[in-house]
Amino acid sequence: GTAIAIDPANGRILAMVNQKLALSRGAEPCSTIKLTVALAALEEGIVKRDTPVNLGGKYHLTLTEALAHSNNLYFETLGRTLGFERVKHYANEFGLGELAGYHIQGEQLGTYPDEELPAALGGVGRMCSFGESVSMTPLQLGAIVSAIANGGTLYYLQHPETAEDVATFEPKVKRMLNIAPLIPEISVGMEGAVQYGTARSLRANFNQFPVMGKTGTCSNNGTRFGWFASYANTPSGRIVTVFFLE
């Protein structure tokens, strides 16, 4: 596994455990892809956090509930409503398919496909619920969650390794994302994940301050992946963490 801690205010990587895996080409993002899909649907005005979405019969779910419980059917429905071109546009806008770091030696590239997953394999719905056919790196996820945590600045991540690097550190902005009005809409679902949803075991072991998080678990050719990305206001300031287990 690997763990990364990032200062979202400037894109500085504060700690990186198991650099080889942290800088690898990553893996299927599993349900962490739901963060970019949720932001895309909010930006396009398809839903708000409390909009009931019909998932068949009398079964309705809101974005807050769907994020907290990581509901696949909900995000498949959003993905099909958005369509592949819009889903891809926002994924690329949020940094998927690009290197997340700035001159970080050994960093490999995660990929976002140019074509929709075949319908027989679940199509765009499967891409939006599990991230099927997408390869996301821990750094890419860290950059996305940092942008959510800081109000919409997508920084290049940098990893100063010497005292001189730290002393001369300068943030590098990749692009500004127009997501500031959307963050209150998504953060309640991320907090719900930790309070009562898929990450509630964290809450059972740690309750010093609120944590906003998103889990992801899936399998690919017999290999099981586990993701957890979060941010919180800590006594040391706001910190983003990404965990990836293989």
Protein backbone atom coordinates (compact mmCIF):
# COMPACT_ATOMS: atom_id res chain seq x y z
CA GLY A 1 0.00 0.00 0.00
CA THR A 2 0.87 3.66 -0.13
CA ALA A 3 -0.13 6.78 1.80
CA ILE A 4 0.25 10.40 0.75
CA ALA A 5 -0.32 13.61 2.71
CA ILE A 6 -0.75 16.90 0.82
CA ASP A 7 -1.12 20.54 1.79
CA PRO A 8 -4.09 21.59 -0.39
CA ALA A 9 -3.25 25.28 0.00
CA ASN A 10 -0.17 24.94 -2.23
CA GLY A 11 0.07 21.40 -3.65
CA ARG A 12 3.06 20.43 -1.53
CA ILE A 13 3.39 16.72 -0.77
CA LEU A 14 4.15 16.56 2.94
CA ALA A 15 4.71 12.81 3.17
CA MET A 16 4.75 9.88 0.76
CA VAL A 17 5.00 6.31 2.04
CA ASN A 18 6.13 3.66 -0.49
CA GLN A 19 7.07 6.06 -3.29
CA LYS A 20 7.28 3.32 -5.90
CA LEU A 21 3.56 2.56 -5.57
CA ALA A 22 2.61 6.21 -4.99
CA LEU A 23 4.23 7.21 -8.29
CA SER A 24 3.02 4.17 -10.26
CA ARG A 25 0.45 4.36 -13.07
CA GLY A 26 -2.15 3.56 -10.44
CA ALA A 27 -5.20 1.43 -10.92
CA GLU A 28 -8.94 1.44 -11.44
CA PRO A 29 -10.23 4.24 -9.21
CA CYS A 30 -13.21 2.18 -8.05
CA SER A 31 -15.79 4.40 -6.34
CA THR A 32 -13.46 7.38 -5.87
CA ILE A 33 -14.36 8.24 -9.51
CA LYS A 34 -17.75 9.27 -8.12
CA LEU A 35 -16.26 12.55 -6.89
CA THR A 36 -15.54 13.78 -10.43
CA VAL A 37 -18.91 12.49 -11.69
CA ALA A 38 -20.74 14.27 -8.86
CA LEU A 39 -18.95 17.55 -9.65
CA ALA A 40 -19.75 17.15 -13.35
CA ALA A 41 -23.46 16.57 -12.67
CA LEU A 42 -23.60 19.53 -10.28
CA GLU A 43 -21.78 21.79 -12.76
CA GLU A 44 -24.20 20.77 -15.52
CA GLY A 45 -27.20 21.48 -13.29
CA ILE A 46 -28.46 17.88 -13.47
CA VAL A 47 -28.77 17.53 -9.68
CA LYS A 48 -28.32 19.36 -6.42
CA ARG A 49 -27.31 17.57 -3.23
CA ASP A 50 -30.95 17.00 -2.17
CA THR A 51 -32.47 16.21 -5.61
CA PRO A 52 -34.24 12.82 -5.44
CA VAL A 53 -33.11 10.69 -8.40
CA ASN A 54 -35.38 7.81 -9.41
CA LEU A 55 -33.46 4.53 -9.53
CA GLY A 56 -36.44 2.37 -10.47
CA GLY A 57 -39.92 1.92 -9.00
CA LYS A 58 -40.31 3.95 -5.82
CA TYR A 59 -36.57 3.89 -5.08
CA HIS A 60 -35.13 7.40 -4.91
CA LEU A 61 -31.76 8.63 -3.66
CA THR A 62 -30.13 12.05 -3.25
CA LEU A 63 -26.52 12.92 -4.07
CA THR A 64 -25.66 13.22 -0.36
CA GLU A 65 -26.97 9.70 0.36
CA ALA A 66 -25.38 8.27 -2.79
CA LEU A 67 -21.94 9.66 -1.92
CA ALA A 68 -22.16 8.58 1.72
CA HIS A 69 -23.16 5.01 0.83
CA SER A 70 -21.30 4.91 -2.52
CA ASN A 71 -24.37 3.82 -4.45
CA ASN A 72 -23.37 2.42 -7.85
CA LEU A 73 -26.80 2.56 -9.50
CA TYR A 74 -27.12 6.27 -8.70
CA PHE A 75 -23.81 7.15 -10.36
CA GLU A 76 -24.50 4.88 -13.34
CA THR A 77 -27.71 6.88 -13.82
CA LEU A 78 -25.84 10.19 -13.58
CA GLY A 79 -23.20 8.92 -16.03
CA ARG A 80 -25.77 7.90 -18.63
CA THR A 81 -27.54 11.27 -18.22
CA LEU A 82 -24.26 13.15 -18.71
CA GLY A 83 -23.06 10.98 -21.60
CA PHE A 84 -19.49 9.94 -22.30
CA GLU A 85 -18.26 13.19 -23.88
CA ARG A 86 -19.25 15.33 -20.91
CA VAL A 87 -17.98 12.76 -18.40
CA LYS A 88 -14.61 12.65 -20.16
CA HIS A 89 -14.43 16.45 -20.45
CA TYR A 90 -14.80 16.92 -16.71
CA ALA A 91 -12.50 14.02 -15.83
CA ASN A 92 -9.77 15.60 -17.97
CA GLU A 93 -10.53 19.04 -16.52
CA PHE A 94 -9.97 17.61 -13.03
CA GLY A 95 -6.61 16.19 -14.10
CA LEU A 96 -7.29 12.58 -15.04
CA GLY A 97 -5.16 11.51 -17.99
CA GLU A 98 -2.42 14.02 -17.04
CA LEU A 99 0.61 13.86 -14.79
CA ALA A 100 -0.38 15.30 -11.42
CA GLY A 101 3.14 16.14 -10.28
CA TYR A 102 5.61 18.79 -11.36
CA HIS A 103 8.99 17.25 -12.21
CA ILE A 104 8.54 14.40 -9.74
CA GLN A 105 11.09 11.84 -10.82
CA GLY A 106 9.59 8.43 -11.51
CA GLU A 107 5.96 9.57 -11.69
CA GLN A 108 3.97 7.51 -14.17
CA LEU A 109 0.86 8.54 -16.07
CA GLY A 110 -2.63 7.33 -15.28
CA THR A 111 -4.90 7.08 -18.33
CA TYR A 112 -8.44 8.14 -19.22
CA PRO A 113 -9.77 6.38 -22.34
CA ASP A 114 -10.82 8.27 -25.47
CA GLU A 115 -13.70 5.91 -26.12
CA GLU A 116 -16.66 4.81 -24.06
CA LEU A 117 -16.57 1.36 -22.49
CA PRO A 118 -18.54 -1.06 -24.72
CA ALA A 119 -22.20 -1.40 -23.71
CA ALA A 120 -21.68 -5.13 -23.07
CA LEU A 121 -19.19 -4.18 -20.33
CA GLY A 122 -21.44 -1.54 -18.76
CA GLY A 123 -20.79 1.51 -20.91
CA VAL A 124 -20.44 4.98 -19.46
CA GLY A 125 -22.48 3.94 -16.41
CA ARG A 126 -19.81 1.46 -15.34
CA MET A 127 -17.11 4.09 -15.97
CA CYS A 128 -18.93 6.44 -13.57
CA SER A 129 -19.63 3.96 -10.78
CA PHE A 130 -16.41 1.92 -10.68
CA GLY A 131 -14.05 3.81 -12.99
CA GLU A 132 -13.86 0.75 -15.23
CA SER A 133 -11.22 1.18 -18.01
CA VAL A 134 -9.77 4.22 -16.19
CA SER A 135 -6.35 4.15 -14.54
CA MET A 136 -5.95 6.74 -11.78
CA THR A 137 -2.77 7.40 -9.80
CA PRO A 138 -2.69 8.21 -6.07
CA LEU A 139 -1.24 11.61 -7.00
CA GLN A 140 -4.10 12.37 -9.40
CA LEU A 141 -6.67 11.58 -6.71
CA GLY A 142 -4.71 13.69 -4.25
CA ALA A 143 -4.73 16.65 -6.64
CA ILE A 144 -8.50 16.38 -7.20
CA VAL A 145 -9.32 16.17 -3.49
CA SER A 146 -6.92 19.06 -2.82
CA ALA A 147 -8.89 21.17 -5.31
CA ILE A 148 -12.11 20.29 -3.47
CA ALA A 149 -10.44 21.12 -0.14
CA ASN A 150 -9.07 24.51 -1.27
CA GLY A 151 -12.05 25.83 -3.20
CA GLY A 152 -11.11 25.02 -6.79
CA THR A 153 -7.38 25.44 -7.44
CA LEU A 154 -5.87 22.41 -9.19
CA TYR A 155 -2.19 22.57 -8.23
CA TYR A 156 0.67 20.65 -9.71
CA LEU A 157 1.81 18.49 -6.82
CA GLN A 158 5.43 19.05 -5.79
CA HIS A 159 7.62 17.00 -3.49
CA PRO A 160 10.47 19.06 -2.00
CA GLU A 161 12.97 16.61 -0.49
CA THR A 162 15.71 18.88 0.89
CA ALA A 163 15.71 21.83 3.28
CA GLU A 164 16.72 24.05 0.36
CA ASP A 165 13.77 22.75 -1.74
CA VAL A 166 11.41 23.54 1.12
CA ALA A 167 12.88 27.03 1.64
CA THR A 168 12.50 27.93 -2.05
CA PHE A 169 9.16 26.17 -2.59
CA GLU A 170 6.74 27.99 -4.89
CA PRO A 171 3.23 26.69 -5.65
CA LYS A 172 2.45 25.97 -9.30
CA VAL A 173 -1.17 26.26 -10.45
CA LYS A 174 -2.25 23.90 -13.21
CA ARG A 175 -5.71 25.45 -13.69
CA MET A 176 -8.57 27.06 -11.81
CA LEU A 177 -11.72 24.96 -11.56
CA ASN A 178 -15.12 26.62 -11.32
CA ILE A 179 -16.27 24.40 -8.44
CA ALA A 180 -16.37 26.75 -5.44
CA PRO A 181 -20.21 26.94 -5.42
CA LEU A 182 -20.40 23.14 -5.75
CA ILE A 183 -18.19 22.22 -2.80
CA PRO A 184 -20.92 22.67 -0.14
CA GLU A 185 -23.08 20.39 -2.30
CA ILE A 186 -20.48 17.59 -2.31
CA SER A 187 -18.83 17.97 1.11
CA VAL A 188 -21.94 16.94 3.07
CA GLY A 189 -21.92 13.59 1.25
CA MET A 190 -18.19 13.18 1.91
CA GLU A 191 -18.73 13.94 5.58
CA GLY A 192 -21.66 11.51 5.58
CA ALA A 193 -19.37 8.76 4.27
CA VAL A 194 -17.29 9.07 7.45
CA GLN A 195 -20.17 9.77 9.84
CA TYR A 196 -22.51 6.94 8.81
CA GLY A 197 -21.54 5.61 5.36
CA THR A 198 -18.84 3.47 3.78
CA ALA A 199 -16.01 5.00 5.88
CA ARG A 200 -17.82 4.90 9.22
CA SER A 201 -15.20 2.54 10.70
CA LEU A 202 -12.81 5.54 10.61
CA ARG A 203 -15.25 7.46 12.80
CA ALA A 204 -15.33 4.56 15.27
CA ASN A 205 -11.56 4.84 15.75
CA PHE A 206 -11.05 8.58 15.33
CA ASN A 207 -13.36 11.43 16.29
CA GLN A 208 -11.08 14.32 17.24
CA PHE A 209 -12.41 16.40 14.33
CA PRO A 210 -14.71 15.95 11.29
CA VAL A 211 -13.24 14.24 8.21
CA MET A 212 -14.63 14.48 4.66
CA GLY A 213 -13.83 11.29 2.75
CA LYS A 214 -14.57 8.91 -0.12
CA THR A 215 -13.89 5.20 -0.24
CA GLY A 216 -13.36 2.94 -3.24
CA THR A 217 -13.05 -0.86 -3.48
CA CYS A 218 -13.09 -3.12 -6.53
CA SER A 219 -11.29 -6.03 -8.18
CA ASN A 220 -9.47 -6.34 -11.48
CA ASN A 221 -8.29 -9.75 -12.76
CA GLY A 222 -8.15 -11.11 -9.24
CA THR A 223 -6.34 -8.12 -7.72
CA ARG A 224 -8.33 -6.24 -5.11
CA PHE A 225 -7.95 -2.47 -4.80
CA GLY A 226 -8.83 -0.26 -1.84
CA TRP A 227 -8.83 3.54 -1.93
CA PHE A 228 -9.56 6.20 0.66
CA ALA A 229 -9.17 9.92 0.03
CA SER A 230 -10.03 12.57 2.58
CA TYR A 231 -9.45 16.06 3.86
CA ALA A 232 -9.88 17.63 7.27
CA ASN A 233 -9.12 20.73 9.29
CA THR A 234 -6.38 19.41 11.57
CA PRO A 235 -4.46 21.21 14.34
CA SER A 236 -1.68 21.52 11.70
CA GLY A 237 -4.02 23.10 9.14
CA ARG A 238 -6.05 21.51 6.35
CA ILE A 239 -4.48 18.27 5.12
CA VAL A 240 -5.46 15.91 2.29
CA THR A 241 -4.65 12.22 2.60
CA VAL A 242 -4.80 9.44 0.02
CA PHE A 243 -4.45 5.75 0.83
CA PHE A 244 -4.18 3.09 -1.84
CA LEU A 245 -4.01 -0.63 -1.04
CA GLU A 246 -3.38 -3.38 -3.53
